[in-house]
Protein backbone atom coordinates (compact mmCIF):
# COMPACT_ATOMS: atom_id res chain seq x y z
CA MET A 1 11.45 19.64 3.81
CA THR A 2 11.04 19.96 0.08
CA LYS A 3 7.70 19.96 -1.73
CA ILE A 4 7.77 17.23 -4.39
CA SER A 5 6.44 18.18 -7.83
CA TYR A 6 5.83 16.04 -10.90
CA ASP A 7 7.51 18.74 -12.95
CA ASP A 8 10.80 18.07 -11.11
CA PHE A 9 10.75 14.53 -12.54
CA ARG A 10 9.52 15.27 -16.04
CA ARG A 11 11.75 13.97 -18.82
CA LYS A 12 12.49 15.89 -22.03
CA ASP A 13 9.83 13.85 -23.84
CA GLY A 14 7.21 14.95 -21.28
CA SER A 15 6.93 11.59 -19.49
CA ILE A 16 7.47 11.27 -15.74
CA ASP A 17 10.39 9.32 -14.21
CA TRP A 18 8.11 7.46 -11.78
CA HIS A 19 10.93 5.54 -10.08
CA ALA A 20 12.84 8.73 -9.25
CA LEU A 21 9.63 10.45 -8.11
CA ARG A 22 8.72 7.57 -5.78
CA SER A 23 12.26 7.50 -4.35
CA ALA A 24 12.03 11.24 -3.63
CA GLU A 25 8.58 10.84 -2.01
CA ILE A 26 9.95 8.08 0.25
CA GLY A 27 13.02 10.13 1.19
CA ASN A 28 10.85 13.15 1.94
CA GLY A 29 8.46 11.14 4.15
CA ASP A 30 5.48 11.68 1.86
CA ILE A 31 4.84 7.93 1.43
CA CYS A 32 5.62 4.88 3.56
CA TYR A 33 8.97 3.30 2.71
CA VAL A 34 7.58 -0.19 3.38
CA CYS A 35 4.25 -0.31 1.52
CA GLY A 36 4.41 2.85 -0.60
CA ARG A 37 1.04 4.20 0.52
CA PHE A 38 0.32 7.86 1.28
CA ALA A 39 -2.05 7.09 4.15
CA ASP A 40 -1.56 7.55 7.89
CA ILE A 41 1.89 9.13 8.02
CA PHE A 42 2.13 11.46 10.99
CA GLY A 43 4.98 13.52 12.36
CA GLY A 44 7.52 15.66 10.62
CA LYS A 45 8.39 15.37 6.98
CA GLY A 46 11.87 15.33 5.52
CA TYR A 47 12.91 11.78 6.40
CA ARG A 48 11.84 8.20 5.62
CA GLN A 49 8.78 7.06 7.57
CA LYS A 50 6.45 4.10 7.98
CA CYS A 51 2.67 4.40 7.94
CA ASN A 52 0.74 3.28 11.03
CA GLU A 53 -0.16 -0.12 9.52
CA CYS A 54 3.47 -0.94 8.73
CA THR A 55 4.59 0.23 12.18
CA GLN A 56 2.05 -2.21 13.68
CA MET A 57 3.69 -5.10 11.80
CA ASP A 58 6.54 -4.90 14.32
CA GLY A 59 4.11 -5.27 17.24
CA SER A 60 2.55 -8.38 18.70
CA GLY A 61 -1.15 -7.53 18.38
CA GLU A 62 -3.58 -8.46 15.66
CA LEU A 63 -2.68 -6.78 12.38
CA ASP A 64 -5.05 -5.26 9.83
CA HIS A 65 -3.08 -4.31 6.72
CA GLU A 66 -4.20 -3.48 3.19
CA LYS A 67 -1.07 -4.87 1.53
CA TYR A 68 0.74 -7.42 3.71
CA LEU A 69 0.16 -10.64 5.65
CA ARG A 70 2.25 -11.25 8.80
CA CYS A 71 3.16 -14.59 10.30
CA PRO A 72 2.10 -14.74 13.96
CA ARG A 73 4.99 -17.08 14.78
CA CYS A 74 8.09 -15.47 13.23
CA GLY A 75 6.81 -12.00 12.26
CA TYR A 76 7.78 -12.37 8.59
CA HIS A 77 5.52 -10.35 6.31
CA TRP A 78 4.80 -10.74 2.62
CA ASP A 79 2.68 -9.27 -0.14
CA PRO A 80 -0.10 -11.72 -1.11
CA TYR A 81 -0.37 -9.94 -4.47
CA GLU A 82 2.97 -11.55 -5.37
CA ALA A 83 1.92 -15.06 -4.28
CA GLU A 84 0.35 -17.86 -6.30
CA ASP A 85 -2.66 -18.38 -3.99
CA TYR A 86 -5.42 -16.09 -5.28
CA LYS A 87 -8.13 -17.56 -3.04
CA VAL A 88 -6.90 -15.25 -0.26
CA PHE A 89 -8.57 -12.37 -2.15
CA GLU A 90 -12.06 -13.82 -1.73
CA GLU A 91 -14.03 -12.52 1.25
CA ASP A 92 -13.78 -15.17 3.96
CA SER A 93 -11.25 -16.84 6.25
CA HIS A 94 -8.30 -18.58 4.59
CA GLU A 95 -5.54 -20.89 5.70
CA VAL A 96 -2.07 -19.69 4.63
CA TRP A 97 1.50 -20.82 5.21
CA CYS A 98 4.42 -18.61 6.13
CA GLU A 99 7.07 -18.62 3.41
CA LYS A 100 9.84 -18.34 6.00
CA CYS A 101 8.97 -20.73 8.86
CA ASP A 102 6.26 -22.86 7.19
CA PHE A 103 3.77 -22.07 9.99
CA LYS A 104 0.11 -22.57 9.02
CA PHE A 105 -2.40 -19.94 10.22
CA GLU A 106 -5.72 -18.35 9.29
CA VAL A 107 -6.28 -14.87 7.85
CA SER A 108 -9.54 -13.06 7.17
CA THR A 109 -10.20 -11.11 4.00
CA MET A 110 -12.69 -8.26 3.78
CA VAL A 111 -13.50 -7.01 0.29
CA THR A 112 -14.71 -3.46 -0.38
CA TYR A 113 -15.85 -1.85 -3.59
CA CYS A 114 -15.58 1.62 -5.04
CA PHE A 115 -17.85 2.61 -7.92
CA THR A 116 -16.94 5.24 -10.49
CA SER A 117 -19.73 7.02 -12.33
CA PRO A 118 -19.25 9.10 -15.46
CA PRO A 119 -19.10 12.91 -15.21
CA ARG A 120 -22.38 14.78 -15.00
CA LEU A 121 -23.91 15.89 -18.27
CA LYS A 122 -24.14 19.55 -19.10
CA ALA A 123 -27.29 21.35 -17.99
CA ASP A 124 -28.74 21.27 -21.55
CA GLY A 125 -28.40 17.48 -21.58
CA GLY A 126 -25.92 17.50 -24.47
CA ASP A 127 -22.33 16.36 -24.60
C-alpha cells in the first residue's frame, strides 16, 4: 500500500493533475471506484474497492445512496445529477423512470444543509 500525496501529482507549473490523482486513489483503495467518495471503505488498502452504499446497489434491499438511483426491476443505476429532471432534488417523494427498462417507480429525497461561518476574529476584535 502506497500513501498518496498531492505532491506526487504536482505539475511543473504547480497545478495538480487531478485525473491522475483520482486514478491513483481508486487503484489504492482510498476512494470508491463506483461513486468516487472517500466514505465507508473498510478492509485492506492497495486494491480497488467499493464503498458500502455502492456494494448495497448489488443487493435486493432498499437502497439509500447519496449519488445514485437504482431501478427496483432491473437493478440499473444512474446519477440523477446527470439527468434532466431536477425536481428529484426537492425534498419529497418523486416518480422516476428507469433509463434502461422504462419502469416507473417512486424515490424519496431528503435534503440536508451544511452552514459555513467565517473564521473567528482575533481576540482584539480587529482583522
